[in-house]
């Protein structure tokens, strides 16, 4: 550890503890001594001066809160002495000037992807099962059980074996509290179709029983997944009487992509001879489809064909210092190379709205962002909440005291490039560069929305650890600290803790992350979330979700 504390921006009036600091410690920083009034755990902040009630707390160079009490110099920031505050925002035609990073080391690089007829390139080759209504979830489960193990996509065999060992131990009268070893998971699965990276299932709770608007939004979302570059073929299961009719789904699909030409198999239960026949036919026809998409092979593609979603979850006080800015540098590299980057989680942009507005290339995009943020926050306030209530207990415990602190750190994963477009939920990203996508901050709802916008890879930073993944978009986990990376190595792919220790710069770590993304996009590396089939999918009903 080269330094004990960090001042993120020259205008800040708090310092971040990079390691555990004890009460009474004297911290010498910028020719000034700070005597700590209490223990300051790593990731937390302490005040650089005595503050009166109502004074502004600055971090990342922006307003992140206001003091509620008299706070002595060297005291720890907490939820009692500091409450959320953020600057108002408005369009002001800022003429944003961006200096792109040097991309010479990536100029001649490419990845091996799956080329689609519309010019998009996937990083994976999936067959997708879609139910138009929750009534078909059980049938999907039956098909999944039938296909996964036989075709080589199951990951739970080791737990079945472990359970069998417990049964045998119990039947033999042995003590089941004694250690029974868990069988190791094979990294390479014995797959029948080597060019089919997975068979994915979008179980959900919608399609009927809610509002017609819910069904319309779900239809757009499912169509976006069917049209996703990582999807090669689709099987649709319908009951028949639900709000979301197959005709609505296919119409939305054609609206999104008039030249849609992927294999699309539709089975409707109320028109079938029996449930058994429905499942049998779906398995048989899908098997034929798998034979066809297995003929598709990876071919070279420029990095400009990548669409990178950036997400944080289980965030901590190091998120905005290590992993997020490193991912942000990676994002800037990709934008400079002509690729797309998607930043979502609108509740976690509360407090940095003005920065995002000033970075918008057009007034139209800026005003769309203002409208979406304002309407979303107002909806939350109508039910007694608001963006300021976004931080979770885990976030707060690990140093993210206000939503503005969380947001200022979260925004850093988008880098510093201009905003080329602003997208509402389920709208596709069509412009190269940084796109803002309206989604909740909720991990799964956000990743679900990013994939719908077209993300072909997701970089997911975490300080506390989270198993979130996505059915059609490989999700790469980046730890903010080395302790987490070592403790949860079965779900973490990249350790950004070297930024905290001072062993790597943000630029070096960002380049490392892009190199790893290229390997994942080419099928050379399989992220842990993909290995574990962490296929989380939660449609957003456009209600209040932070």
Protein backbone atom coordinates (compact mmCIF):
# COMPACT_ATOMS: atom_id res chain seq x y z
CA UNK A 1 0.00 0.00 0.00
CA UNK A 2 1.76 3.14 -1.24
CA UNK A 3 -0.70 5.58 0.36
CA UNK A 4 -3.05 5.39 3.34
CA UNK A 5 -5.63 7.91 2.11
CA UNK A 6 -6.87 9.33 -1.19
CA UNK A 7 -8.31 12.67 -2.23
CA UNK A 8 -10.25 11.94 -5.40
CA UNK A 9 -10.70 15.51 -6.67
CA UNK A 10 -8.90 18.72 -5.79
CA UNK A 11 -12.19 20.32 -4.65
CA UNK A 12 -13.12 17.52 -2.24
CA UNK A 13 -13.33 18.14 1.50
CA UNK A 14 -13.21 14.47 2.55
CA UNK A 15 -10.45 11.87 2.33
CA UNK A 16 -10.94 8.17 1.59
CA UNK A 17 -9.25 5.59 3.81
CA UNK A 18 -7.42 3.03 1.66
CA UNK A 19 -6.78 0.81 4.69
CA UNK A 20 -8.14 0.56 8.23
CA UNK A 21 -7.16 3.66 10.23
CA UNK A 22 -7.32 3.90 14.03
CA UNK A 23 -8.63 6.59 16.32
CA UNK A 24 -5.81 8.91 17.28
CA UNK A 25 -3.77 8.22 14.14
CA UNK A 26 -2.22 11.34 12.66
CA UNK A 27 -2.55 11.35 8.87
CA UNK A 28 -0.19 13.68 7.06
CA UNK A 29 -1.59 14.70 3.69
CA UNK A 30 -0.79 17.67 1.45
CA UNK A 31 1.29 19.39 4.14
CA UNK A 32 -1.50 19.12 6.71
CA UNK A 33 -2.02 16.83 9.70
CA UNK A 34 -5.35 15.16 10.42
CA UNK A 35 -5.89 13.58 13.85
CA UNK A 36 -8.58 10.94 13.55
CA UNK A 37 -11.45 11.35 16.01
CA UNK A 38 -12.57 7.71 15.61
CA UNK A 39 -11.69 4.52 13.76
CA UNK A 40 -12.01 4.91 9.99
CA UNK A 41 -12.49 1.55 8.26
CA UNK A 42 -11.05 1.08 4.79
CA UNK A 43 -13.37 2.49 2.06
CA UNK A 44 -14.89 5.08 4.42
CA UNK A 45 -14.31 8.85 4.45
CA UNK A 46 -13.32 11.41 7.05
CA UNK A 47 -13.72 15.17 7.03
CA UNK A 48 -10.78 17.42 6.24
CA UNK A 49 -12.19 20.32 8.26
CA UNK A 50 -14.73 21.05 10.97
CA UNK A 51 -18.18 21.41 9.38
CA UNK A 52 -21.26 23.25 10.55
CA UNK A 53 -24.78 21.89 9.98
CA UNK A 54 -25.92 22.46 6.39
CA UNK A 55 -22.46 22.72 4.86
CA UNK A 56 -21.79 21.06 1.50
CA UNK A 57 -19.87 17.80 1.34
CA UNK A 58 -17.83 17.51 -1.85
CA UNK A 59 -16.49 14.29 -3.37
CA UNK A 60 -15.44 13.51 -6.94
CA UNK A 61 -15.57 17.29 -7.31
CA UNK A 62 -19.38 17.39 -6.98
CA UNK A 63 -21.93 17.93 -4.22
CA UNK A 64 -22.70 14.55 -2.62
CA UNK A 65 -24.38 15.57 0.63
CA UNK A 66 -24.85 18.13 3.39
CA UNK A 67 -23.87 17.86 7.03
CA UNK A 68 -26.68 17.50 9.55
CA UNK A 69 -24.68 18.18 12.70
CA UNK A 70 -21.44 19.83 13.76
CA UNK A 71 -18.71 17.48 12.51
CA UNK A 72 -15.16 17.74 13.79
CA UNK A 73 -12.14 17.57 11.53
CA UNK A 74 -10.96 13.96 11.33
CA UNK A 75 -14.44 12.50 11.98
CA UNK A 76 -15.93 9.69 9.95
CA UNK A 77 -18.74 10.40 7.51
CA UNK A 78 -21.89 8.43 8.38
CA UNK A 79 -25.64 8.44 7.74
CA UNK A 80 -26.27 10.53 10.86
CA UNK A 81 -23.95 13.44 10.15
CA UNK A 82 -24.37 13.48 6.36
CA UNK A 83 -27.51 13.28 4.22
CA UNK A 84 -27.85 13.08 0.44
CA UNK A 85 -27.78 16.31 -1.55
CA UNK A 86 -27.22 17.01 -5.24
CA UNK A 87 -26.98 20.02 -7.52
CA UNK A 88 -29.92 20.94 -9.77
CA UNK A 89 -29.38 20.27 -13.45
CA UNK A 90 -30.40 21.80 -16.80
CA UNK A 91 -29.40 21.86 -20.44
CA UNK A 92 -26.70 24.49 -21.09
CA UNK A 93 -24.98 23.60 -24.43
CA UNK A 94 -21.61 22.91 -22.81
CA UNK A 95 -19.67 22.10 -26.04
CA UNK A 96 -17.97 19.15 -24.37
CA UNK A 97 -14.37 18.52 -25.46
CA UNK A 98 -13.08 14.95 -25.21
CA UNK A 99 -9.50 13.78 -25.50
CA UNK A 100 -9.56 10.14 -26.59
CA UNK A 101 -6.97 7.74 -25.14
CA UNK A 102 -4.15 6.32 -27.22
CA UNK A 103 -5.42 3.11 -28.86
CA UNK A 104 -2.33 2.15 -30.86
CA UNK A 105 -1.91 -1.13 -28.98
CA UNK A 106 -5.42 -2.16 -30.07
CA UNK A 107 -5.52 -0.60 -33.56
CA UNK A 108 -4.93 -3.87 -35.42
CA UNK A 109 -6.78 -6.16 -33.00
CA UNK A 110 -9.92 -8.12 -33.83
CA UNK A 111 -12.09 -10.76 -32.18
CA UNK A 112 -13.60 -14.01 -33.42
CA UNK A 113 -17.35 -13.56 -33.43
CA UNK A 114 -20.54 -14.88 -34.99
CA UNK A 115 -21.56 -12.74 -37.98
CA UNK A 116 -25.29 -12.14 -38.45
CA UNK A 117 -27.08 -11.22 -41.68
CA UNK A 118 -27.87 -7.67 -40.48
CA UNK A 119 -24.17 -6.86 -40.03
CA UNK A 120 -24.05 -7.34 -36.26
CA UNK A 121 -21.51 -9.69 -34.69
CA UNK A 122 -22.21 -11.84 -31.64
CA UNK A 123 -19.74 -12.89 -28.99
CA UNK A 124 -21.70 -16.11 -28.42
CA UNK A 125 -24.02 -18.44 -30.35
CA UNK A 126 -27.11 -19.28 -28.30
CA UNK A 127 -30.46 -20.97 -28.90
CA UNK A 128 -33.16 -19.14 -26.93
CA UNK A 129 -36.43 -20.42 -25.45
CA UNK A 130 -39.06 -17.70 -24.88
CA UNK A 131 -42.44 -18.10 -23.13
CA UNK A 132 -44.99 -15.46 -24.08
CA UNK A 133 -46.64 -16.00 -20.69
CA UNK A 134 -45.68 -17.32 -17.26
CA UNK A 135 -48.06 -20.27 -17.70
CA UNK A 136 -45.42 -21.88 -19.94
CA UNK A 137 -42.58 -21.69 -17.40
CA UNK A 138 -43.09 -25.27 -16.24
CA UNK A 139 -42.92 -26.55 -19.81
CA UNK A 140 -39.68 -24.62 -20.27
CA UNK A 141 -38.33 -26.19 -17.10
CA UNK A 142 -39.18 -29.67 -18.38
CA UNK A 143 -37.45 -28.98 -21.70
CA UNK A 144 -34.43 -27.50 -19.94
CA UNK A 145 -34.12 -30.59 -17.74
CA UNK A 146 -34.32 -32.79 -20.82
CA UNK A 147 -31.76 -30.89 -22.91
CA UNK A 148 -29.17 -29.50 -20.51
CA UNK A 149 -27.56 -32.65 -19.24
CA UNK A 150 -27.84 -34.66 -22.47
CA UNK A 151 -26.34 -31.93 -24.67
CA UNK A 152 -23.58 -30.97 -22.23
CA UNK A 153 -24.77 -27.63 -20.78
CA UNK A 154 -25.57 -28.65 -17.18
CA UNK A 155 -23.41 -27.35 -14.33
CA UNK A 156 -25.21 -28.89 -11.36
CA UNK A 157 -23.99 -32.48 -11.72
CA UNK A 158 -21.43 -32.06 -8.94
CA UNK A 159 -24.21 -31.06 -6.53
CA UNK A 160 -26.28 -34.08 -7.59
CA UNK A 161 -23.25 -36.27 -6.89
CA UNK A 162 -22.78 -34.57 -3.50
CA UNK A 163 -26.43 -35.18 -2.61
CA UNK A 164 -26.08 -38.82 -3.62
CA UNK A 165 -23.09 -39.14 -1.28
CA UNK A 166 -25.17 -37.68 1.55
CA UNK A 167 -27.95 -40.19 0.82
CA UNK A 168 -25.52 -43.10 0.89
CA UNK A 169 -23.94 -41.83 4.13
CA UNK A 170 -27.39 -41.50 5.73
CA UNK A 171 -28.52 -44.94 4.58
CA UNK A 172 -25.31 -46.46 5.96
CA UNK A 173 -25.80 -44.78 9.31
CA UNK A 174 -22.73 -42.55 8.88
CA UNK A 175 -22.37 -39.07 10.37
CA UNK A 176 -23.29 -36.68 7.55
CA UNK A 177 -21.62 -33.81 9.45
CA UNK A 178 -18.28 -35.35 8.58
CA UNK A 179 -16.62 -33.80 5.55
CA UNK A 180 -17.81 -35.08 2.20
CA UNK A 181 -15.79 -33.67 -0.67
CA UNK A 182 -17.63 -31.79 -3.38
CA UNK A 183 -16.65 -33.15 -6.81
CA UNK A 184 -14.73 -30.65 -8.93
CA UNK A 185 -16.47 -29.02 -11.89
CA UNK A 186 -15.03 -29.80 -15.30
CA UNK A 187 -14.09 -26.62 -17.16
CA UNK A 188 -14.70 -28.23 -20.56
CA UNK A 189 -18.12 -29.78 -21.06
CA UNK A 190 -18.78 -32.69 -23.36
CA UNK A 191 -21.04 -30.83 -25.77
CA UNK A 192 -22.71 -32.45 -28.76
CA UNK A 193 -22.83 -29.11 -30.64
CA UNK A 194 -19.40 -27.48 -30.34
CA UNK A 195 -20.45 -24.21 -31.99
CA UNK A 196 -23.55 -23.75 -29.83
CA UNK A 197 -22.44 -21.92 -26.69
CA UNK A 198 -25.63 -22.58 -24.78
CA UNK A 199 -29.38 -23.11 -24.73
CA UNK A 200 -31.04 -20.33 -22.75
CA UNK A 201 -34.47 -19.99 -21.15
CA UNK A 202 -36.23 -16.68 -20.41
CA UNK A 203 -38.62 -17.72 -17.64
CA UNK A 204 -40.61 -14.70 -16.42
CA UNK A 205 -43.78 -13.79 -14.52
CA UNK A 206 -45.50 -11.67 -17.16
CA UNK A 207 -47.52 -11.91 -20.36
CA UNK A 208 -50.94 -11.88 -18.71
CA UNK A 209 -52.71 -10.73 -15.57
CA UNK A 210 -50.96 -7.36 -15.47
CA UNK A 211 -51.75 -4.28 -17.51
CA UNK A 212 -51.77 -4.27 -21.30
CA UNK A 213 -48.88 -1.81 -21.07
CA UNK A 214 -46.89 -4.43 -19.14
CA UNK A 215 -47.54 -6.94 -21.90
CA UNK A 216 -46.48 -4.44 -24.57
CA UNK A 217 -43.23 -3.68 -22.76
CA UNK A 218 -42.56 -7.40 -22.29
CA UNK A 219 -43.20 -7.97 -26.00
CA UNK A 220 -40.58 -5.35 -26.89
CA UNK A 221 -38.14 -6.89 -24.44
CA UNK A 222 -38.58 -10.45 -25.71
CA UNK A 223 -38.28 -9.25 -29.30
CA UNK A 224 -35.03 -7.49 -28.40
CA UNK A 225 -33.65 -10.75 -26.99
CA UNK A 226 -34.75 -12.75 -30.04
CA UNK A 227 -33.00 -10.19 -32.27
CA UNK A 228 -29.86 -10.10 -30.10
CA UNK A 229 -26.55 -10.66 -31.95
CA UNK A 230 -25.67 -13.51 -29.56
CA UNK A 231 -28.89 -15.41 -30.40
CA UNK A 232 -28.96 -17.69 -33.44
CA UNK A 233 -32.37 -19.35 -33.08
CA UNK A 234 -35.53 -19.14 -30.98
CA UNK A 235 -38.25 -21.45 -29.71
CA UNK A 236 -41.43 -19.69 -28.51
CA UNK A 237 -43.95 -21.37 -26.21
CA UNK A 238 -47.41 -19.83 -25.92
CA UNK A 239 -50.51 -20.86 -23.99
CA UNK A 240 -52.88 -19.15 -26.44
CA UNK A 241 -55.26 -16.96 -24.44
CA UNK A 242 -52.79 -14.56 -22.80
CA UNK A 243 -52.47 -10.79 -23.25
CA UNK A 244 -49.15 -11.13 -25.06
CA UNK A 245 -50.16 -12.94 -28.22
CA UNK A 246 -47.60 -14.55 -30.52
CA UNK A 247 -48.77 -12.19 -33.27
CA UNK A 248 -47.90 -9.21 -31.04
CA UNK A 249 -44.44 -10.62 -30.40
CA UNK A 250 -43.69 -11.37 -34.07
CA UNK A 251 -45.00 -7.94 -35.11
CA UNK A 252 -42.67 -6.30 -32.60
CA UNK A 253 -39.81 -8.44 -33.87
CA UNK A 254 -40.38 -7.39 -37.48
CA UNK A 255 -40.72 -3.76 -36.40
CA UNK A 256 -37.37 -3.97 -34.67
CA UNK A 257 -35.69 -5.83 -37.52
CA UNK A 258 -37.66 -5.98 -40.81
CA UNK A 259 -35.11 -8.41 -42.27
CA UNK A 260 -35.20 -10.82 -39.32
CA UNK A 261 -34.27 -14.25 -40.65
CA UNK A 262 -33.26 -16.44 -37.70
CA UNK A 263 -34.99 -19.81 -37.15
CA UNK A 264 -38.16 -19.08 -35.15
CA UNK A 265 -40.19 -22.03 -33.85
CA UNK A 266 -43.63 -21.41 -32.28
CA UNK A 267 -45.66 -23.89 -30.21
CA UNK A 268 -49.06 -23.04 -28.73
CA UNK A 269 -50.33 -25.32 -25.98
CA UNK A 270 -54.08 -24.74 -26.40
CA UNK A 271 -53.76 -25.84 -30.03
CA UNK A 272 -51.67 -28.93 -29.25
CA UNK A 273 -52.92 -32.51 -28.85
CA UNK A 274 -51.47 -32.69 -25.34
CA UNK A 275 -48.78 -31.19 -23.14
CA UNK A 276 -46.64 -34.25 -23.79
CA UNK A 277 -46.92 -33.77 -27.55
CA UNK A 278 -46.13 -30.05 -27.22
CA UNK A 279 -42.92 -30.73 -25.29
CA UNK A 280 -41.91 -33.60 -27.56
CA UNK A 281 -42.40 -31.50 -30.70
CA UNK A 282 -40.57 -28.51 -29.20
CA UNK A 283 -37.58 -30.69 -28.30
CA UNK A 284 -37.48 -32.41 -31.69
CA UNK A 285 -37.76 -29.23 -33.80
CA UNK A 286 -35.29 -27.38 -31.58
CA UNK A 287 -32.83 -30.25 -31.98
CA UNK A 288 -33.07 -29.79 -35.75
CA UNK A 289 -32.46 -26.09 -35.28
CA UNK A 290 -29.40 -26.76 -33.14
CA UNK A 291 -27.97 -28.87 -35.94
CA UNK A 292 -28.28 -25.89 -38.27
CA UNK A 293 -26.85 -23.17 -36.02
CA UNK A 294 -23.97 -25.47 -35.12
CA UNK A 295 -22.78 -24.91 -38.70
CA UNK A 296 -22.08 -21.24 -37.89
CA UNK A 297 -18.43 -20.64 -37.02
CA UNK A 298 -16.53 -17.77 -35.44
CA UNK A 299 -14.84 -15.39 -37.89
CA UNK A 300 -12.66 -12.27 -37.40
CA UNK A 301 -14.45 -8.99 -36.70
CA UNK A 302 -13.16 -5.49 -35.84
CA UNK A 303 -13.41 -4.31 -32.24
CA UNK A 304 -15.87 -1.66 -33.46
CA UNK A 305 -18.46 -4.47 -33.61
CA UNK A 306 -18.38 -4.91 -29.83
CA UNK A 307 -21.17 -3.46 -27.70
CA UNK A 308 -20.08 -3.25 -24.06
CA UNK A 309 -22.52 -2.81 -21.19
CA UNK A 310 -20.99 -1.42 -17.99
CA UNK A 311 -22.65 -2.22 -14.66
CA UNK A 312 -21.87 -2.15 -10.94
CA UNK A 313 -23.57 -4.09 -8.16
CA UNK A 314 -22.76 -4.98 -4.60
CA UNK A 315 -20.76 -1.75 -4.70
CA UNK A 316 -18.40 -0.56 -1.99
CA UNK A 317 -16.32 2.49 -1.16
CA UNK A 318 -13.59 1.35 -3.57
CA UNK A 319 -15.93 0.91 -6.56
CA UNK A 320 -15.52 4.49 -7.74
CA UNK A 321 -11.75 4.41 -7.13
CA UNK A 322 -10.53 1.15 -8.67
CA UNK A 323 -12.86 -1.06 -10.74
CA UNK A 324 -15.25 1.59 -12.08
CA UNK A 325 -12.63 4.02 -13.41
CA UNK A 326 -10.62 1.09 -14.82
CA UNK A 327 -13.73 -0.14 -16.63
CA UNK A 328 -14.32 3.47 -17.68
CA UNK A 329 -10.88 3.61 -19.27
CA UNK A 330 -11.65 0.35 -21.08
CA UNK A 331 -14.92 1.95 -22.26
CA UNK A 332 -13.05 5.00 -23.57
CA UNK A 333 -10.67 2.72 -25.46
CA UNK A 334 -13.57 0.92 -27.10
CA UNK A 335 -15.34 4.17 -28.02
CA UNK A 336 -12.11 5.45 -29.58
CA UNK A 337 -12.00 2.22 -31.61
CA UNK A 338 -15.52 2.81 -32.92
CA UNK A 339 -17.44 0.47 -30.61
CA UNK A 340 -20.56 0.99 -28.48
CA UNK A 341 -20.73 1.38 -24.68
CA UNK A 342 -23.97 1.26 -22.67
CA UNK A 343 -24.38 2.95 -19.27
CA UNK A 344 -27.71 2.35 -17.52
CA UNK A 345 -28.95 2.43 -13.88
CA UNK A 346 -30.58 5.89 -13.96
CA UNK A 347 -31.19 6.00 -10.16
CA UNK A 348 -27.40 5.73 -9.84
CA UNK A 349 -26.82 8.84 -11.95
CA UNK A 350 -28.49 11.01 -9.33
CA UNK A 351 -26.04 13.79 -8.55
CA UNK A 352 -24.06 13.55 -11.79
CA UNK A 353 -26.90 14.52 -14.12
CA UNK A 354 -25.24 17.80 -15.11
CA UNK A 355 -22.06 16.02 -16.17
CA UNK A 356 -24.05 13.62 -18.37
CA UNK A 357 -26.12 16.44 -19.84
CA UNK A 358 -22.98 18.43 -20.66
CA UNK A 359 -21.50 15.38 -22.39
CA UNK A 360 -24.50 14.88 -24.71
CA UNK A 361 -23.63 15.53 -28.35
CA UNK A 362 -27.10 16.83 -29.19
CA UNK A 363 -29.68 18.94 -27.39
CA UNK A 364 -32.29 16.31 -28.27
CA UNK A 365 -30.40 13.61 -26.37
CA UNK A 366 -29.75 15.93 -23.42
CA UNK A 367 -33.41 16.84 -23.07
CA UNK A 368 -34.49 13.20 -23.42
CA UNK A 369 -32.14 12.30 -20.57
CA UNK A 370 -33.54 15.15 -18.43
CA UNK A 371 -37.10 13.99 -19.12
CA UNK A 372 -36.43 10.34 -18.33
CA UNK A 373 -34.55 11.15 -15.12
CA UNK A 374 -37.17 13.65 -13.95
CA UNK A 375 -40.16 11.40 -14.67
CA UNK A 376 -38.53 8.37 -13.10
CA UNK A 377 -37.54 10.19 -9.91
CA UNK A 378 -40.99 11.82 -9.65
CA UNK A 379 -42.61 8.39 -9.90
CA UNK A 380 -40.46 7.18 -7.02
CA UNK A 381 -41.37 10.23 -4.90
CA UNK A 382 -45.08 9.57 -5.52
CA UNK A 383 -44.78 6.36 -3.50
CA UNK A 384 -42.71 7.91 -0.72
CA UNK A 385 -39.29 7.02 -2.10
CA UNK A 386 -36.80 8.68 -4.46
CA UNK A 387 -33.40 8.14 -6.04
CA UNK A 388 -31.79 9.22 -2.75
CA UNK A 389 -32.98 5.94 -1.21
CA UNK A 390 -31.05 3.76 -3.67
CA UNK A 391 -28.01 2.75 -1.54
CA UNK A 392 -28.48 -0.67 0.08
CA UNK A 393 -27.43 -1.56 3.65
CA UNK A 394 -24.39 -3.29 2.19
CA UNK A 395 -23.45 -0.20 0.18
CA UNK A 396 -23.69 2.01 3.29
CA UNK A 397 -21.78 -0.42 5.50
CA UNK A 398 -18.90 -0.32 3.03
CA UNK A 399 -18.70 3.43 2.65
CA UNK A 400 -21.36 4.60 0.18
CA UNK A 401 -23.18 6.92 2.56
CA UNK A 402 -25.35 8.89 0.09
CA UNK A 403 -26.79 8.14 -3.33
CA UNK A 404 -24.79 11.00 -4.81
CA UNK A 405 -21.55 9.38 -3.58
CA UNK A 406 -22.65 6.08 -5.06
CA UNK A 407 -23.68 7.77 -8.32
CA UNK A 408 -20.50 9.81 -8.71
CA UNK A 409 -18.47 6.62 -8.36
CA UNK A 410 -20.84 4.57 -10.53
CA UNK A 411 -20.67 7.06 -13.41
CA UNK A 412 -16.91 6.57 -13.67
CA UNK A 413 -17.38 3.18 -15.30
CA UNK A 414 -18.63 5.01 -18.41
CA UNK A 415 -15.31 6.79 -18.86
CA UNK A 416 -15.27 10.33 -20.19
CA UNK A 417 -16.39 10.09 -23.83
CA UNK A 418 -19.31 12.13 -25.22
CA UNK A 419 -22.86 10.74 -24.95
CA UNK A 420 -23.95 9.91 -28.49
CA UNK A 421 -27.48 8.77 -27.68
CA UNK A 422 -30.03 8.31 -24.88
CA UNK A 423 -32.28 5.24 -25.00
CA UNK A 424 -35.49 4.41 -23.23
CA UNK A 425 -35.99 0.86 -21.93
CA UNK A 426 -35.85 -1.77 -24.77
CA UNK A 427 -34.73 0.76 -27.41
CA UNK A 428 -31.76 -0.58 -29.43
CA UNK A 429 -28.36 1.11 -29.49
CA UNK A 430 -27.69 2.11 -33.10
CA UNK A 431 -25.00 4.76 -32.70
CA UNK A 432 -21.33 4.12 -31.96
CA UNK A 433 -20.02 5.67 -28.76
CA UNK A 434 -21.47 6.03 -25.26
CA UNK A 435 -25.23 5.43 -24.95
CA UNK A 436 -27.29 6.07 -21.79
CA UNK A 437 -29.98 3.40 -21.25
CA UNK A 438 -32.92 3.97 -18.90
CA UNK A 439 -33.12 1.06 -16.44
CA UNK A 440 -33.41 0.65 -12.66
CA UNK A 441 -30.27 0.26 -10.58
CA UNK A 442 -31.42 -3.24 -9.58
CA UNK A 443 -28.68 -5.57 -10.80
CA UNK A 444 -30.79 -8.00 -12.80
CA UNK A 445 -33.30 -5.49 -14.15
CA UNK A 446 -30.35 -3.37 -15.32
CA UNK A 447 -28.43 -6.19 -17.00
CA UNK A 448 -31.69 -7.41 -18.56
CA UNK A 449 -32.18 -3.92 -20.03
CA UNK A 450 -28.58 -3.61 -21.26
CA UNK A 451 -28.85 -6.87 -23.19
CA UNK A 452 -32.11 -5.63 -24.71
CA UNK A 453 -30.29 -2.52 -25.93
CA UNK A 454 -27.73 -4.75 -27.65
CA UNK A 455 -24.85 -5.34 -25.22
CA UNK A 456 -22.79 -8.30 -26.43
CA UNK A 457 -20.56 -8.25 -23.31
CA UNK A 458 -21.23 -6.84 -19.84
CA UNK A 459 -18.50 -5.65 -17.48
CA UNK A 460 -19.91 -5.94 -13.97
CA UNK A 461 -17.91 -4.37 -11.14
CA UNK A 462 -18.50 -5.39 -7.53
CA UNK A 463 -16.97 -4.65 -4.16
CA UNK A 464 -19.06 -7.01 -2.06
CA UNK A 465 -19.57 -9.84 -4.56
CA UNK A 466 -22.64 -10.80 -6.58
CA UNK A 467 -23.46 -13.85 -8.72
CA UNK A 468 -25.51 -11.93 -11.31
CA UNK A 469 -25.27 -12.94 -14.97
CA UNK A 470 -27.40 -12.73 -18.12
CA UNK A 471 -28.85 -15.43 -20.39
CA UNK A 472 -27.59 -14.04 -23.71
CA UNK A 473 -24.80 -11.63 -22.78
CA UNK A 474 -21.56 -12.97 -21.24
CA UNK A 475 -21.04 -11.11 -17.96
CA UNK A 476 -17.51 -10.43 -16.70
CA UNK A 477 -17.05 -9.75 -12.97
CA UNK A 478 -14.46 -7.18 -11.90
CA UNK A 479 -13.62 -7.00 -8.17
CA UNK A 480 -12.81 -3.63 -6.64
CA UNK A 481 -10.46 -5.15 -4.08
CA UNK A 482 -8.09 -8.10 -3.90
CA UNK A 483 -9.67 -9.49 -0.73
CA UNK A 484 -12.96 -10.05 -2.55
CA UNK A 485 -11.22 -11.50 -5.62
CA UNK A 486 -9.46 -14.08 -3.46
CA UNK A 487 -12.45 -14.87 -1.24
CA UNK A 488 -14.96 -15.28 -4.10
CA UNK A 489 -12.66 -16.45 -6.87
CA UNK A 490 -15.34 -18.82 -8.13
CA UNK A 491 -17.39 -15.84 -9.40
CA UNK A 492 -14.75 -13.11 -9.97
CA UNK A 493 -12.89 -12.86 -13.30
CA UNK A 494 -10.69 -9.77 -12.86
CA UNK A 495 -9.06 -8.26 -9.76
CA UNK A 496 -8.84 -4.46 -9.91
CA UNK A 497 -7.37 -4.30 -6.39
CA UNK A 498 -3.97 -3.52 -7.90
CA UNK A 499 -5.24 0.05 -8.42
CA UNK A 500 -5.80 0.41 -4.66
CA UNK A 501 -2.40 -1.05 -3.79
CA UNK A 502 -0.73 1.21 -6.34
CA UNK A 503 0.71 -1.68 -8.34
CA UNK A 504 -1.20 -0.67 -11.48
CA UNK A 505 -2.53 2.58 -12.90
CA UNK A 506 -6.15 2.95 -13.97
CA UNK A 507 -4.98 3.05 -17.60
CA UNK A 508 -2.99 -0.17 -17.23
CA UNK A 509 -5.90 -1.95 -15.58
CA UNK A 510 -8.31 -0.62 -18.23
CA UNK A 511 -6.12 -2.03 -21.00
CA UNK A 512 -5.96 -5.37 -19.19
CA UNK A 513 -9.76 -5.43 -18.99
CA UNK A 514 -10.16 -4.76 -22.71
CA UNK A 515 -7.68 -7.53 -23.50
CA UNK A 516 -9.76 -9.91 -21.39
CA UNK A 517 -12.95 -8.75 -23.16
CA UNK A 518 -11.40 -9.59 -26.53
CA UNK A 519 -10.60 -13.10 -25.31
CA UNK A 520 -14.15 -13.58 -24.01
CA UNK A 521 -15.64 -12.20 -27.24
CA UNK A 522 -13.55 -14.74 -29.16
CA UNK A 523 -14.57 -17.69 -26.99
CA UNK A 524 -11.01 -18.10 -25.66
CA UNK A 525 -12.04 -17.25 -22.07
CA UNK A 526 -15.34 -18.23 -20.45
CA UNK A 527 -16.42 -15.85 -17.64
CA UNK A 528 -17.38 -17.42 -14.33
CA UNK A 529 -21.01 -16.29 -14.66
CA UNK A 530 -21.26 -18.15 -17.97
CA UNK A 531 -19.54 -21.25 -16.59
CA UNK A 532 -22.09 -21.31 -13.74
CA UNK A 533 -25.12 -20.67 -15.99
CA UNK A 534 -25.98 -17.54 -13.99
CA UNK A 535 -28.76 -16.62 -16.39
CA UNK A 536 -30.67 -13.93 -14.49
CA UNK A 537 -33.58 -12.29 -16.29
CA UNK A 538 -36.10 -9.87 -14.73
CA UNK A 539 -38.26 -7.68 -16.99
CA UNK A 540 -38.91 -4.17 -15.68
CA UNK A 541 -42.61 -3.27 -15.55
CA UNK A 542 -41.75 0.45 -15.58
CA UNK A 543 -42.84 0.80 -11.98
CA UNK A 544 -40.73 2.08 -9.09
CA UNK A 545 -37.56 0.04 -8.84
CA UNK A 546 -34.34 1.57 -7.57
